[in-house]
Protein backbone atom coordinates (compact mmCIF):
# COMPACT_ATOMS: atom_id res chain seq x y z
CA UNK A 1 0.00 0.00 0.00
CA UNK A 2 1.44 3.32 -1.04
CA UNK A 3 1.97 6.09 1.51
CA UNK A 4 2.04 3.81 4.54
CA UNK A 5 5.78 3.84 5.09
CA UNK A 6 6.28 3.60 8.88
CA UNK A 7 9.72 5.21 8.72
CA UNK A 8 8.16 8.58 7.84
CA UNK A 9 5.88 8.36 10.87
CA UNK A 10 8.81 7.45 13.11
CA UNK A 11 10.87 10.38 11.83
CA UNK A 12 7.96 12.78 12.38
CA UNK A 13 7.48 11.42 15.90
CA UNK A 14 11.17 11.93 16.72
CA UNK A 15 11.06 15.49 15.38
CA UNK A 16 7.89 16.27 17.36
CA UNK A 17 9.37 14.90 20.58
CA UNK A 18 12.60 16.79 19.96
CA UNK A 19 10.68 20.02 19.45
CA UNK A 20 8.47 19.52 22.52
CA UNK A 21 11.17 18.26 24.90
CA UNK A 22 12.60 21.69 25.87
CA UNK A 23 9.09 23.03 26.48
CA UNK A 24 8.25 20.09 28.74
CA UNK A 25 11.53 20.48 30.61
CA UNK A 26 10.84 24.16 31.27
CA UNK A 27 7.23 23.49 32.31
CA UNK A 28 8.43 20.95 34.89
CA UNK A 29 11.41 23.02 36.06
CA UNK A 30 11.45 24.78 39.40
CA UNK A 31 14.13 27.27 38.32
CA UNK A 32 11.53 29.78 37.16
CA UNK A 33 7.83 30.43 37.62
CA UNK A 34 4.95 32.50 36.31
CA UNK A 35 5.66 35.11 33.69
CA UNK A 36 9.34 34.28 33.39
CA UNK A 37 8.54 30.64 32.61
CA UNK A 38 5.99 31.75 30.00
CA UNK A 39 8.55 34.08 28.43
CA UNK A 40 11.11 31.28 28.12
CA UNK A 41 8.54 28.96 26.54
CA UNK A 42 7.48 31.63 24.04
CA UNK A 43 11.14 32.24 23.17
CA UNK A 44 11.60 28.55 22.43
CA UNK A 45 8.46 28.41 20.30
CA UNK A 46 9.21 31.53 18.27
CA UNK A 47 13.00 31.72 18.27
CA UNK A 48 14.54 28.27 18.44
CA UNK A 49 16.29 25.68 20.53
CA UNK A 50 18.96 28.30 21.13
CA UNK A 51 16.60 29.88 23.67
CA UNK A 52 16.53 26.57 25.56
CA UNK A 53 20.33 26.62 25.80
CA UNK A 54 20.14 30.14 27.20
CA UNK A 55 17.46 28.99 29.66
CA UNK A 56 19.71 26.17 30.81
CA UNK A 57 22.63 28.58 31.31
CA UNK A 58 20.89 31.74 32.57
CA UNK A 59 17.59 30.94 34.29
CA UNK A 60 16.42 32.39 36.55
CA UNK A 61 17.06 35.89 35.29
CA UNK A 62 16.10 37.51 38.61
CA UNK A 63 17.07 35.92 41.88
CA UNK A 64 14.13 35.67 44.28
């Protein structure tokens, strides 16, 4: 049957997990909260994975 190649589905699943992983990590993280967490997630969605690297290195921006 044409178009039912499972390797395409597996590749798409890996890409989707790879794209969602930083967002899930930030959502579960206790390093930031509230508006700062939302800002980091929006940066990842609209900028790139590079924002996740900055989150890992710099978060939290303000010490509580």
